[in-house]
Amino acid sequence: MEETVTSAVPSHPLIESDRVEGTAVFDASGKRIGTIKRLVIEKVSGQVVYAVTAFGGFLDLDSEVHTIPWEQLHYDTKRHGYHTTITEEQLRDAPEFSRDDTLLSRREWETLSEYYAGPL
């Protein structure tokens, strides 16, 4: 029987947004801690700015919503999900507006970016 070798590089560098929604998020130790609910994209540049994520709860029921910077999520080809170095404690201590399921104002986004840019 021939052995199949999987590549560390995704088969295609692009992905549709609906394929990202629902994708698992793992912490630094590899524990599944939540899922991506939606991506927020800057209209002019087309760049993903942040992800609205659901953390905790069983099967995302009774989960807590948090907005985190997109650059804090890194795709893991082995787990087929995103990993982050953001800790549960950082999520608990994050600014309150990051727990909303609404678009952030520019000031809120800057505050949140500064919060997560600190020592992780």
PDB file of N, CA and C in Angstrom:
ATOM      1  N   MET A   1       0.848  -1.179   0.000  1.00  0.00           N
ATOM      2  CA  MET A   1       0.000   0.000   0.000  1.00  0.00           C
ATOM      3  C   MET A   1       0.892   1.241   0.000  1.00  0.00           C
ATOM      4  N   GLU A   2       0.555   2.233  -0.816  1.00  0.00           N
ATOM      5  CA  GLU A   2       1.336   3.446  -0.930  1.00  0.00           C
ATOM      6  C   GLU A   2       0.967   4.412   0.180  1.00  0.00           C
ATOM      7  N   GLU A   3       1.980   5.042   0.803  1.00  0.00           N
ATOM      8  CA  GLU A   3       1.754   5.974   1.900  1.00  0.00           C
ATOM      9  C   GLU A   3       1.441   7.355   1.338  1.00  0.00           C
ATOM     10  N   THR A   4       0.447   8.021   1.913  1.00  0.00           N
ATOM     11  CA  THR A   4       0.081   9.359   1.485  1.00  0.00           C
ATOM     12  C   THR A   4       0.824  10.367   2.345  1.00  0.00           C
ATOM     13  N   VAL A   5       1.460  11.320   1.717  1.00  0.00           N
ATOM     14  CA  VAL A   5       2.182  12.360   2.429  1.00  0.00           C
ATOM     15  C   VAL A   5       1.365  13.633   2.325  1.00  0.00           C
ATOM     16  N   THR A   6       1.110  14.265   3.483  1.00  0.00           N
ATOM     17  CA  THR A   6       0.364  15.517   3.465  1.00  0.00           C
ATOM     18  C   THR A   6       1.336  16.673   3.526  1.00  0.00           C
ATOM     19  N   SER A   7       0.980  17.747   2.875  1.00  0.00           N
ATOM     20  CA  SER A   7       1.828  18.920   2.817  1.00  0.00           C
ATOM     21  C   SER A   7       1.501  19.860   3.963  1.00  0.00           C
ATOM     22  N   ALA A   8       2.517  20.572   4.446  1.00  0.00           N
ATOM     23  CA  ALA A   8       2.303  21.578   5.482  1.00  0.00           C
ATOM     24  C   ALA A   8       1.718  22.846   4.873  1.00  0.00           C
ATOM     25  N   VAL A   9       1.735  22.948   3.560  1.00  0.00           N
ATOM     26  CA  VAL A   9       1.196  24.103   2.861  1.00  0.00           C
ATOM     27  C   VAL A   9      -0.218  23.757   2.396  1.00  0.00           C
ATOM     28  N   PRO A  10      -1.200  24.647   2.667  1.00  0.00           N
ATOM     29  CA  PRO A  10      -2.558  24.370   2.191  1.00  0.00           C
ATOM     30  C   PRO A  10      -2.556  24.150   0.681  1.00  0.00           C
ATOM     31  N   SER A  11      -3.497  23.344   0.196  1.00  0.00           N
ATOM     32  CA  SER A  11      -3.562  23.043  -1.235  1.00  0.00           C
ATOM     33  C   SER A  11      -3.902  24.279  -2.058  1.00  0.00           C
ATOM     34  N   HIS A  12      -4.527  25.263  -1.451  1.00  0.00           N
ATOM     35  CA  HIS A  12      -4.847  26.511  -2.136  1.00  0.00           C
ATOM     36  C   HIS A  12      -4.642  27.642  -1.130  1.00  0.00           C
ATOM     37  N   PRO A  13      -4.021  28.748  -1.532  1.00  0.00           N
ATOM     38  CA  PRO A  13      -3.732  29.827  -0.582  1.00  0.00           C
ATOM     39  C   PRO A  13      -4.941  30.673  -0.194  1.00  0.00           C
ATOM     40  N   LEU A  14      -6.070  30.497  -0.857  1.00  0.00           N
ATOM     41  CA  LEU A  14      -7.262  31.292  -0.582  1.00  0.00           C
ATOM     42  C   LEU A  14      -8.355  30.422   0.021  1.00  0.00           C
ATOM     43  N   ILE A  15      -9.265  31.065   0.754  1.00  0.00           N
ATOM     44  CA  ILE A  15     -10.394  30.347   1.341  1.00  0.00           C
ATOM     45  C   ILE A  15     -11.595  31.289   1.373  1.00  0.00           C
ATOM     46  N   GLU A  16     -12.783  30.752   1.165  1.00  0.00           N
ATOM     47  CA  GLU A  16     -13.998  31.547   1.232  1.00  0.00           C
ATOM     48  C   GLU A  16     -14.364  31.791   2.692  1.00  0.00           C
ATOM     49  N   SER A  17     -14.980  32.954   2.958  1.00  0.00           N
ATOM     50  CA  SER A  17     -15.300  33.319   4.330  1.00  0.00           C
ATOM     51  C   SER A  17     -16.220  32.307   5.011  1.00  0.00           C
ATOM     52  N   ASP A  18     -17.163  31.734   4.267  1.00  0.00           N
ATOM     53  CA  ASP A  18     -18.072  30.781   4.903  1.00  0.00           C
ATOM     54  C   ASP A  18     -17.357  29.503   5.335  1.00  0.00           C
ATOM     55  N   ARG A  19     -16.192  29.240   4.785  1.00  0.00           N
ATOM     56  CA  ARG A  19     -15.403  28.071   5.200  1.00  0.00           C
ATOM     57  C   ARG A  19     -14.613  28.366   6.471  1.00  0.00           C
ATOM     58  N   VAL A  20     -14.371  29.655   6.768  1.00  0.00           N
ATOM     59  CA  VAL A  20     -13.654  30.041   7.976  1.00  0.00           C
ATOM     60  C   VAL A  20     -14.612  30.062   9.165  1.00  0.00           C
ATOM     61  N   GLU A  21     -15.834  30.503   8.933  1.00  0.00           N
ATOM     62  CA  GLU A  21     -16.831  30.556  10.004  1.00  0.00           C
ATOM     63  C   GLU A  21     -17.078  29.147  10.525  1.00  0.00           C
ATOM     64  N   GLY A  22     -16.967  28.991  11.835  1.00  0.00           N
ATOM     65  CA  GLY A  22     -17.142  27.682  12.459  1.00  0.00           C
ATOM     66  C   GLY A  22     -15.839  26.918  12.635  1.00  0.00           C
ATOM     67  N   THR A  23     -14.745  27.447  12.099  1.00  0.00           N
ATOM     68  CA  THR A  23     -13.449  26.784  12.237  1.00  0.00           C
ATOM     69  C   THR A  23     -12.980  26.870  13.679  1.00  0.00           C
ATOM     70  N   ALA A  24     -12.392  25.800  14.165  1.00  0.00           N
ATOM     71  CA  ALA A  24     -11.931  25.724  15.547  1.00  0.00           C
ATOM     72  C   ALA A  24     -10.772  26.670  15.808  1.00  0.00           C
ATOM     73  N   VAL A  25     -10.698  27.126  17.070  1.00  0.00           N
ATOM     74  CA  VAL A  25      -9.581  27.930  17.559  1.00  0.00           C
ATOM     75  C   VAL A  25      -8.950  27.139  18.711  1.00  0.00           C
ATOM     76  N   PHE A  26      -7.620  27.021  18.671  1.00  0.00           N
ATOM     77  CA  PHE A  26      -6.868  26.270  19.680  1.00  0.00           C
ATOM     78  C   PHE A  26      -5.950  27.210  20.447  1.00  0.00           C
ATOM     79  N   ASP A  27      -5.745  26.920  21.728  1.00  0.00           N
ATOM     80  CA  ASP A  27      -4.798  27.729  22.498  1.00  0.00           C
ATOM     81  C   ASP A  27      -3.370  27.253  22.238  1.00  0.00           C
ATOM     82  N   ALA A  28      -2.403  27.876  22.898  1.00  0.00           N
ATOM     83  CA  ALA A  28      -0.994  27.564  22.661  1.00  0.00           C
ATOM     84  C   ALA A  28      -0.643  26.118  23.002  1.00  0.00           C
ATOM     85  N   SER A  29      -1.412  25.496  23.897  1.00  0.00           N
ATOM     86  CA  SER A  29      -1.125  24.106  24.269  1.00  0.00           C
ATOM     87  C   SER A  29      -1.826  23.103  23.349  1.00  0.00           C
ATOM     88  N   GLY A  30      -2.644  23.603  22.399  1.00  0.00           N
ATOM     89  CA  GLY A  30      -3.334  22.723  21.461  1.00  0.00           C
ATOM     90  C   GLY A  30      -4.744  22.348  21.874  1.00  0.00           C
ATOM     91  N   LYS A  31      -5.238  22.927  22.963  1.00  0.00           N
ATOM     92  CA  LYS A  31      -6.595  22.652  23.432  1.00  0.00           C
ATOM     93  C   LYS A  31      -7.595  23.489  22.616  1.00  0.00           C
ATOM     94  N   ARG A  32      -8.670  22.839  22.157  1.00  0.00           N
ATOM     95  CA  ARG A  32      -9.717  23.556  21.412  1.00  0.00           C
ATOM     96  C   ARG A  32     -10.461  24.451  22.393  1.00  0.00           C
ATOM     97  N   ILE A  33     -10.470  25.758  22.106  1.00  0.00           N
ATOM     98  CA  ILE A  33     -11.071  26.703  23.038  1.00  0.00           C
ATOM     99  C   ILE A  33     -12.257  27.468  22.459  1.00  0.00           C
ATOM    100  N   GLY A  34     -12.538  27.310  21.170  1.00  0.00           N
ATOM    101  CA  GLY A  34     -13.668  28.022  20.596  1.00  0.00           C
ATOM    102  C   GLY A  34     -13.717  27.896  19.092  1.00  0.00           C
ATOM    103  N   THR A  35     -14.532  28.759  18.484  1.00  0.00           N
ATOM    104  CA  THR A  35     -14.688  28.774  17.027  1.00  0.00           C
ATOM    105  C   THR A  35     -14.816  30.204  16.523  1.00  0.00           C
ATOM    106  N   ILE A  36     -14.556  30.366  15.243  1.00  0.00           N
ATOM    107  CA  ILE A  36     -14.725  31.666  14.604  1.00  0.00           C
ATOM    108  C   ILE A  36     -16.180  31.809  14.172  1.00  0.00           C
ATOM    109  N   LYS A  37     -16.814  32.913  14.594  1.00  0.00           N
ATOM    110  CA  LYS A  37     -18.201  33.186  14.208  1.00  0.00           C
ATOM    111  C   LYS A  37     -18.269  33.948  12.897  1.00  0.00           C
ATOM    112  N   ARG A  38     -17.419  34.983  12.776  1.00  0.00           N
ATOM    113  CA  ARG A  38     -17.406  35.778  11.553  1.00  0.00           C
ATOM    114  C   ARG A  38     -16.111  36.563  11.465  1.00  0.00           C
ATOM    115  N   LEU A  39     -15.818  36.994  10.256  1.00  0.00           N
ATOM    116  CA  LEU A  39     -14.660  37.843  10.006  1.00  0.00           C
ATOM    117  C   LEU A  39     -15.150  39.251   9.714  1.00  0.00           C
ATOM    118  N   VAL A  40     -14.368  40.242  10.126  1.00  0.00           N
ATOM    119  CA  VAL A  40     -14.688  41.627   9.821  1.00  0.00           C
ATOM    120  C   VAL A  40     -13.594  42.133   8.888  1.00  0.00           C
ATOM    121  N   ILE A  41     -14.012  42.640   7.733  1.00  0.00           N
ATOM    122  CA  ILE A  41     -13.107  43.005   6.655  1.00  0.00           C
ATOM    123  C   ILE A  41     -13.163  44.511   6.420  1.00  0.00           C
ATOM    124  N   GLU A  42     -11.986  45.126   6.265  1.00  0.00           N
ATOM    125  CA  GLU A  42     -11.919  46.549   5.958  1.00  0.00           C
ATOM    126  C   GLU A  42     -12.366  46.741   4.513  1.00  0.00           C
ATOM    127  N   LYS A  43     -13.352  47.606   4.296  1.00  0.00           N
ATOM    128  CA  LYS A  43     -13.973  47.750   2.974  1.00  0.00           C
ATOM    129  C   LYS A  43     -12.993  48.134   1.868  1.00  0.00           C
ATOM    130  N   VAL A  44     -12.145  49.112   2.107  1.00  0.00           N
ATOM    131  CA  VAL A  44     -11.294  49.633   1.045  1.00  0.00           C
ATOM    132  C   VAL A  44     -10.134  48.690   0.731  1.00  0.00           C
ATOM    133  N   SER A  45      -9.422  48.231   1.769  1.00  0.00           N
ATOM    134  CA  SER A  45      -8.242  47.381   1.523  1.00  0.00           C
ATOM    135  C   SER A  45      -8.613  45.925   1.250  1.00  0.00           C
ATOM    136  N   GLY A  46      -9.768  45.509   1.759  1.00  0.00           N
ATOM    137  CA  GLY A  46     -10.169  44.114   1.608  1.00  0.00           C
ATOM    138  C   GLY A  46      -9.489  43.177   2.589  1.00  0.00           C
ATOM    139  N   GLN A  47      -8.750  43.727   3.549  1.00  0.00           N
ATOM    140  CA  GLN A  47      -8.022  42.918   4.524  1.00  0.00           C
ATOM    141  C   GLN A  47      -8.912  42.551   5.712  1.00  0.00           C
ATOM    142  N   VAL A  48      -8.751  41.314   6.197  1.00  0.00           N
ATOM    143  CA  VAL A  48      -9.453  40.910   7.411  1.00  0.00           C
ATOM    144  C   VAL A  48      -8.813  41.683   8.564  1.00  0.00           C
ATOM    145  N   VAL A  49      -9.642  42.321   9.390  1.00  0.00           N
ATOM    146  CA  VAL A  49      -9.149  43.126  10.495  1.00  0.00           C
ATOM    147  C   VAL A  49      -9.254  42.362  11.806  1.00  0.00           C
ATOM    148  N   TYR A  50     -10.422  41.771  12.055  1.00  0.00           N
ATOM    149  CA  TYR A  50     -10.575  40.989  13.282  1.00  0.00           C
ATOM    150  C   TYR A  50     -11.596  39.894  13.084  1.00  0.00           C
ATOM    151  N   ALA A  51     -11.578  38.980  14.040  1.00  0.00           N
ATOM    152  CA  ALA A  51     -12.516  37.856  14.026  1.00  0.00           C
ATOM    153  C   ALA A  51     -13.389  37.943  15.263  1.00  0.00           C
ATOM    154  N   VAL A  52     -14.669  37.730  15.074  1.00  0.00           N
ATOM    155  CA  VAL A  52     -15.596  37.587  16.192  1.00  0.00           C
ATOM    156  C   VAL A  52     -15.603  36.093  16.486  1.00  0.00           C
ATOM    157  N   THR A  53     -15.278  35.739  17.719  1.00  0.00           N
ATOM    158  CA  THR A  53     -15.098  34.339  18.079  1.00  0.00           C
ATOM    159  C   THR A  53     -15.985  33.956  19.254  1.00  0.00           C
ATOM    160  N   ALA A  54     -16.317  32.673  19.315  1.00  0.00           N
ATOM    161  CA  ALA A  54     -17.098  32.129  20.428  1.00  0.00           C
ATOM    162  C   ALA A  54     -16.170  31.227  21.227  1.00  0.00           C
ATOM    163  N   PHE A  55     -16.012  31.520  22.518  1.00  0.00           N
ATOM    164  CA  PHE A  55     -15.146  30.749  23.392  1.00  0.00           C
ATOM    165  C   PHE A  55     -15.951  30.134  24.525  1.00  0.00           C
ATOM    166  N   GLY A  56     -15.559  28.934  24.902  1.00  0.00           N
ATOM    167  CA  GLY A  56     -16.192  28.262  26.034  1.00  0.00           C
ATOM    168  C   GLY A  56     -17.518  27.647  25.659  1.00  0.00           C
ATOM    169  N   GLY A  57     -18.208  27.131  26.652  1.00  0.00           N
ATOM    170  CA  GLY A  57     -19.491  26.486  26.406  1.00  0.00           C
ATOM    171  C   GLY A  57     -19.310  25.130  25.751  1.00  0.00           C
ATOM    172  N   PHE A  58     -20.344  24.341  25.761  1.00  0.00           N
ATOM    173  CA  PHE A  58     -20.321  23.025  25.138  1.00  0.00           C
ATOM    174  C   PHE A  58     -20.911  23.159  23.751  1.00  0.00           C
ATOM    175  N   LEU A  59     -20.169  22.760  22.723  1.00  0.00           N
ATOM    176  CA  LEU A  59     -20.577  22.904  21.324  1.00  0.00           C
ATOM    177  C   LEU A  59     -20.994  24.337  21.019  1.00  0.00           C
ATOM    178  N   ASP A  60     -20.269  25.278  21.636  1.00  0.00           N
ATOM    179  CA  ASP A  60     -20.481  26.714  21.484  1.00  0.00           C
ATOM    180  C   ASP A  60     -21.825  27.199  22.038  1.00  0.00           C
ATOM    181  N   LEU A  61     -22.544  26.331  22.766  1.00  0.00           N
ATOM    182  CA  LEU A  61     -23.747  26.784  23.462  1.00  0.00           C
ATOM    183  C   LEU A  61     -23.290  27.464  24.741  1.00  0.00           C
ATOM    184  N   ASP A  62     -23.944  28.539  25.114  1.00  0.00           N
ATOM    185  CA  ASP A  62     -23.567  29.320  26.287  1.00  0.00           C
ATOM    186  C   ASP A  62     -22.122  29.794  26.202  1.00  0.00           C
ATOM    187  N   SER A  63     -21.640  30.010  24.985  1.00  0.00           N
ATOM    188  CA  SER A  63     -20.268  30.475  24.814  1.00  0.00           C
ATOM    189  C   SER A  63     -20.224  31.987  24.970  1.00  0.00           C
ATOM    190  N   GLU A  64     -19.020  32.477  25.195  1.00  0.00           N
ATOM    191  CA  GLU A  64     -18.796  33.901  25.357  1.00  0.00           C
ATOM    192  C   GLU A  64     -18.185  34.431  24.061  1.00  0.00           C
ATOM    193  N   VAL A  65     -18.693  35.548  23.573  1.00  0.00           N
ATOM    194  CA  VAL A  65     -18.206  36.149  22.333  1.00  0.00           C
ATOM    195  C   VAL A  65     -17.050  37.092  22.658  1.00  0.00           C
ATOM    196  N   HIS A  66     -15.995  37.022  21.832  1.00  0.00           N
ATOM    197  CA  HIS A  66     -14.869  37.948  21.952  1.00  0.00           C
ATOM    198  C   HIS A  66     -14.400  38.342  20.570  1.00  0.00           C
ATOM    199  N   THR A  67     -13.998  39.587  20.443  1.00  0.00           N
ATOM    200  CA  THR A  67     -13.415  40.089  19.212  1.00  0.00           C
ATOM    201  C   THR A  67     -11.907  40.086  19.404  1.00  0.00           C
ATOM    202  N   ILE A  68     -11.194  39.436  18.484  1.00  0.00           N
ATOM    203  CA  ILE A  68      -9.736  39.393  18.597  1.00  0.00           C
ATOM    204  C   ILE A  68      -9.107  39.785  17.259  1.00  0.00           C
ATOM    205  N   PRO A  69      -7.936  40.406  17.312  1.00  0.00           N
ATOM    206  CA  PRO A  69      -7.253  40.803  16.077  1.00  0.00           C
ATOM    207  C   PRO A  69      -6.939  39.586  15.206  1.00  0.00           C
ATOM    208  N   TRP A  70      -7.130  39.730  13.908  1.00  0.00           N
ATOM    209  CA  TRP A  70      -6.889  38.642  12.976  1.00  0.00           C
ATOM    210  C   TRP A  70      -5.442  38.158  13.045  1.00  0.00           C
ATOM    211  N   GLU A  71      -4.511  39.091  13.265  1.00  0.00           N
ATOM    212  CA  GLU A  71      -3.099  38.692  13.298  1.00  0.00           C
ATOM    213  C   GLU A  71      -2.760  37.825  14.510  1.00  0.00           C
ATOM    214  N   GLN A  72      -3.687  37.686  15.451  1.00  0.00           N
ATOM    215  CA  GLN A  72      -3.478  36.817  16.608  1.00  0.00           C
ATOM    216  C   GLN A  72      -3.876  35.369  16.308  1.00  0.00           C
ATOM    217  N   LEU A  73      -4.422  35.128  15.128  1.00  0.00           N
ATOM    218  CA  LEU A  73      -4.836  33.781  14.729  1.00  0.00           C
ATOM    219  C   LEU A  73      -3.928  33.286  13.605  1.00  0.00           C
ATOM    220  N   HIS A  74      -3.438  32.073  13.741  1.00  0.00           N
ATOM    221  CA  HIS A  74      -2.526  31.488  12.761  1.00  0.00           C
ATOM    222  C   HIS A  74      -3.044  30.106  12.386  1.00  0.00           C
ATOM    223  N   TYR A  75      -3.174  29.868  11.082  1.00  0.00           N
ATOM    224  CA  TYR A  75      -3.741  28.602  10.632  1.00  0.00           C
ATOM    225  C   TYR A  75      -2.783  27.444  10.879  1.00  0.00           C
ATOM    226  N   ASP A  76      -3.311  26.371  11.463  1.00  0.00           N
ATOM    227  CA  ASP A  76      -2.549  25.156  11.755  1.00  0.00           C
ATOM    228  C   ASP A  76      -3.038  24.076  10.795  1.00  0.00           C
ATOM    229  N   THR A  77      -2.218  23.705   9.834  1.00  0.00           N
ATOM    230  CA  THR A  77      -2.633  22.745   8.817  1.00  0.00           C
ATOM    231  C   THR A  77      -2.870  21.356   9.388  1.00  0.00           C
ATOM    232  N   LYS A  78      -2.222  21.022  10.489  1.00  0.00           N
ATOM    233  CA  LYS A  78      -2.412  19.689  11.089  1.00  0.00           C
ATOM    234  C   LYS A  78      -3.752  19.585  11.806  1.00  0.00           C
ATOM    235  N   ARG A  79      -4.175  20.671  12.442  1.00  0.00           N
ATOM    236  CA  ARG A  79      -5.435  20.661  13.188  1.00  0.00           C
ATOM    237  C   ARG A  79      -6.607  21.159  12.348  1.00  0.00           C
ATOM    238  N   HIS A  80      -6.312  21.724  11.191  1.00  0.00           N
ATOM    239  CA  HIS A  80      -7.338  22.320  10.334  1.00  0.00           C
ATOM    240  C   HIS A  80      -8.132  23.359  11.114  1.00  0.00           C
ATOM    241  N   GLY A  81      -7.408  24.165  11.878  1.00  0.00           N
ATOM    242  CA  GLY A  81      -8.012  25.220  12.670  1.00  0.00           C
ATOM    243  C   GLY A  81      -6.978  26.295  12.945  1.00  0.00           C
ATOM    244  N   TYR A  82      -7.376  27.304  13.684  1.00  0.00           N
ATOM    245  CA  TYR A  82      -6.500  28.423  14.002  1.00  0.00           C
ATOM    246  C   TYR A  82      -5.987  28.289  15.428  1.00  0.00           C
ATOM    247  N   HIS A  83      -4.718  28.648  15.630  1.00  0.00           N
ATOM    248  CA  HIS A  83      -4.201  28.650  16.996  1.00  0.00           C
ATOM    249  C   HIS A  83      -3.859  30.079  17.380  1.00  0.00           C
ATOM    250  N   THR A  84      -3.846  30.331  18.663  1.00  0.00           N
ATOM    251  CA  THR A  84      -3.561  31.658  19.190  1.00  0.00           C
ATOM    252  C   THR A  84      -2.767  31.533  20.477  1.00  0.00           C
ATOM    253  N   THR A  85      -2.028  32.570  20.793  1.00  0.00           N
ATOM    254  CA  THR A  85      -1.317  32.615  22.070  1.00  0.00           C
ATOM    255  C   THR A  85      -2.122  33.392  23.108  1.00  0.00           C
ATOM    256  N   ILE A  86      -3.296  33.878  22.713  1.00  0.00           N
ATOM    257  CA  ILE A  86      -4.166  34.576  23.659  1.00  0.00           C
ATOM    258  C   ILE A  86      -4.630  33.582  24.710  1.00  0.00           C
ATOM    259  N   THR A  87      -4.542  33.986  25.965  1.00  0.00           N
ATOM    260  CA  THR A  87      -4.901  33.102  27.069  1.00  0.00           C
ATOM    261  C   THR A  87      -6.343  33.349  27.516  1.00  0.00           C
ATOM    262  N   GLU A  88      -6.859  32.395  28.249  1.00  0.00           N
ATOM    263  CA  GLU A  88      -8.202  32.527  28.816  1.00  0.00           C
ATOM    264  C   GLU A  88      -8.266  33.749  29.740  1.00  0.00           C
ATOM    265  N   GLU A  89      -7.198  33.982  30.473  1.00  0.00           N
ATOM    266  CA  GLU A  89      -7.141  35.132  31.377  1.00  0.00           C
ATOM    267  C   GLU A  89      -7.214  36.444  30.588  1.00  0.00           C
ATOM    268  N   GLN A  90      -6.514  36.511  29.461  1.00  0.00           N
ATOM    269  CA  GLN A  90      -6.572  37.717  28.634  1.00  0.00           C
ATOM    270  C   GLN A  90      -7.985  37.940  28.099  1.00  0.00           C
ATOM    271  N   LEU A  91      -8.666  36.875  27.719  1.00  0.00           N
ATOM    272  CA  LEU A  91     -10.046  37.011  27.247  1.00  0.00           C
ATOM    273  C   LEU A  91     -10.942  37.543  28.365  1.00  0.00           C
ATOM    274  N   ARG A  92     -10.773  36.984  29.567  1.00  0.00           N
ATOM    275  CA  ARG A  92     -11.588  37.435  30.715  1.00  0.00           C
ATOM    276  C   ARG A  92     -11.352  38.907  31.025  1.00  0.00           C
ATOM    277  N   ASP A  93     -10.088  39.365  30.862  1.00  0.00           N
ATOM    278  CA  ASP A  93      -9.727  40.738  31.211  1.00  0.00           C
ATOM    279  C   ASP A  93      -9.839  41.715  30.041  1.00  0.00           C
ATOM    280  N   ALA A  94     -10.245  41.239  28.873  1.00  0.00           N
ATOM    281  CA  ALA A  94     -10.333  42.088  27.684  1.00  0.00           C
ATOM    282  C   ALA A  94     -11.370  43.185  27.888  1.00  0.00           C
ATOM    283  N   PRO A  95     -11.211  44.298  27.185  1.00  0.00           N
ATOM    284  CA  PRO A  95     -12.205  45.370  27.285  1.00  0.00           C
ATOM    285  C   PRO A  95     -13.615  44.832  27.022  1.00  0.00           C
ATOM    286  N   GLU A  96     -14.565  45.348  27.769  1.00  0.00           N
ATOM    287  CA  GLU A  96     -15.950  44.863  27.701  1.00  0.00           C
ATOM    288  C   GLU A  96     -16.526  44.896  26.295  1.00  0.00           C
ATOM    289  N   PHE A  97     -16.223  45.954  25.520  1.00  0.00           N
ATOM    290  CA  PHE A  97     -16.822  46.057  24.186  1.00  0.00           C
ATOM    291  C   PHE A  97     -16.389  44.918  23.274  1.00  0.00           C
ATOM    292  N   SER A  98     -15.308  44.216  23.613  1.00  0.00           N
ATOM    293  CA  SER A  98     -14.878  43.093  22.775  1.00  0.00           C
ATOM    294  C   SER A  98     -15.827  41.909  22.919  1.00  0.00           C
ATOM    295  N   ARG A  99     -16.750  41.981  23.868  1.00  0.00           N
ATOM    296  CA  ARG A  99     -17.708  40.901  24.093  1.00  0.00           C
ATOM    297  C   ARG A  99     -19.016  41.125  23.330  1.00  0.00           C
ATOM    298  N   ASP A 100     -19.071  42.212  22.572  1.00  0.00           N
ATOM    299  CA  ASP A 100     -20.256  42.505  21.764  1.00  0.00           C
ATOM    300  C   ASP A 100     -20.163  41.784  20.432  1.00  0.00           C
ATOM    301  N   ASP A 101     -21.299  41.498  19.869  1.00  0.00           N
ATOM    302  CA  ASP A 101     -21.355  40.859  18.566  1.00  0.00           C
ATOM    303  C   ASP A 101     -21.669  41.912  17.503  1.00  0.00           C
ATOM    304  N   THR A 102     -21.111  43.122  17.696  1.00  0.00           N
ATOM    305  CA  THR A 102     -21.361  44.236  16.780  1.00  0.00           C
ATOM    306  C   THR A 102     -20.029  44.773  16.264  1.00  0.00           C
ATOM    307  N   LEU A 103     -20.097  45.626  15.255  1.00  0.00           N
ATOM    308  CA  LEU A 103     -18.881  46.251  14.715  1.00  0.00           C
ATOM    309  C   LEU A 103     -18.291  47.208  15.735  1.00  0.00           C
ATOM    310  N   LEU A 104     -16.980  47.201  15.842  1.00  0.00           N
ATOM    311  CA  LEU A 104     -16.298  48.099  16.769  1.00  0.00           C
ATOM    312  C   LEU A 104     -16.042  49.443  16.103  1.00  0.00           C
ATOM    313  N   SER A 105     -16.063  50.508  16.913  1.00  0.00           N
ATOM    314  CA  SER A 105     -15.681  51.821  16.396  1.00  0.00           C
ATOM    315  C   SER A 105     -14.160  51.830  16.214  1.00  0.00           C
ATOM    316  N   ARG A 106     -13.656  52.819  15.494  1.00  0.00           N
ATOM    317  CA  ARG A 106     -12.203  52.920  15.299  1.00  0.00           C
ATOM    318  C   ARG A 106     -11.496  53.014  16.652  1.00  0.00           C
ATOM    319  N   ARG A 107     -12.014  53.801  17.565  1.00  0.00           N
ATOM    320  CA  ARG A 107     -11.391  53.960  18.895  1.00  0.00           C
ATOM    321  C   ARG A 107     -11.390  52.634  19.651  1.00  0.00           C
ATOM    322  N   GLU A 108     -12.506  51.917  19.620  1.00  0.00           N
ATOM    323  CA  GLU A 108     -12.577  50.612  20.284  1.00  0.00           C
ATOM    324  C   GLU A 108     -11.574  49.634  19.674  1.00  0.00           C
ATOM    325  N   TRP A 109     -11.494  49.640  18.338  1.00  0.00           N
ATOM    326  CA  TRP A 109     -10.563  48.738  17.660  1.00  0.00           C
ATOM    327  C   TRP A 109      -9.126  49.058  18.047  1.00  0.00           C
ATOM    328  N   GLU A 110      -8.775  50.344  18.102  1.00  0.00           N
ATOM    329  CA  GLU A 110      -7.411  50.737  18.491  1.00  0.00           C
ATOM    330  C   GLU A 110      -7.114  50.310  19.927  1.00  0.00           C
ATOM    331  N   THR A 111      -8.084  50.487  20.814  1.00  0.00           N
ATOM    332  CA  THR A 111      -7.914  50.077  22.209  1.00  0.00           C
ATOM    333  C   THR A 111      -7.711  48.566  22.298  1.00  0.00           C
ATOM    334  N   LEU A 112      -8.506  47.816  21.582  1.00  0.00           N
ATOM    335  CA  LEU A 112      -8.402  46.359  21.599  1.00  0.00           C
ATOM    336  C   LEU A 112      -7.070  45.895  21.000  1.00  0.00           C
ATOM    337  N   SER A 113      -6.652  46.523  19.915  1.00  0.00           N
ATOM    338  CA  SER A 113      -5.373  46.172  19.298  1.00  0.00           C
ATOM    339  C   SER A 113      -4.222  46.421  20.261  1.00  0.00           C
ATOM    340  N   GLU A 114      -4.256  47.545  20.965  1.00  0.00           N
ATOM    341  CA  GLU A 114      -3.221  47.856  21.953  1.00  0.00           C
ATOM    342  C   GLU A 114      -3.242  46.836  23.092  1.00  0.00           C
ATOM    343  N   TYR A 115      -4.420  46.433  23.527  1.00  0.00           N
ATOM    344  CA  TYR A 115      -4.546  45.455  24.613  1.00  0.00           C
ATOM    345  C   TYR A 115      -3.856  44.139  24.227  1.00  0.00           C
ATOM    346  N   TYR A 116      -4.143  43.630  23.044  1.00  0.00           N
ATOM    347  CA  TYR A 116      -3.568  42.348  22.631  1.00  0.00           C
ATOM    348  C   TYR A 116      -2.125  42.473  22.126  1.00  0.00           C
ATOM    349  N   ALA A 117      -1.675  43.706  21.824  1.00  0.00           N
ATOM    350  CA  ALA A 117      -0.290  43.890  21.367  1.00  0.00           C
ATOM    351  C   ALA A 117       0.680  43.836  22.541  1.00  0.00           C
ATOM    352  N   GLY A 118       0.155  43.932  23.756  1.00  0.00           N
ATOM    353  CA  GLY A 118       1.007  43.840  24.942  1.00  0.00           C
ATOM    354  C   GLY A 118       1.644  42.478  25.048  1.00  0.00           C
ATOM    355  N   PRO A 119       2.404  42.245  26.095  1.00  0.00           N
ATOM    356  CA  PRO A 119       3.069  40.941  26.248  1.00  0.00           C
ATOM    357  C   PRO A 119       2.073  39.795  26.280  1.00  0.00           C
ATOM    358  N   LEU A 120       2.254  38.844  25.402  1.00  0.00           N
ATOM    359  CA  LEU A 120       1.377  37.671  25.357  1.00  0.00           C
ATOM    360  C   LEU A 120       2.045  36.495  25.994  1.00  0.00           C
TER     361      LEU A 120
END
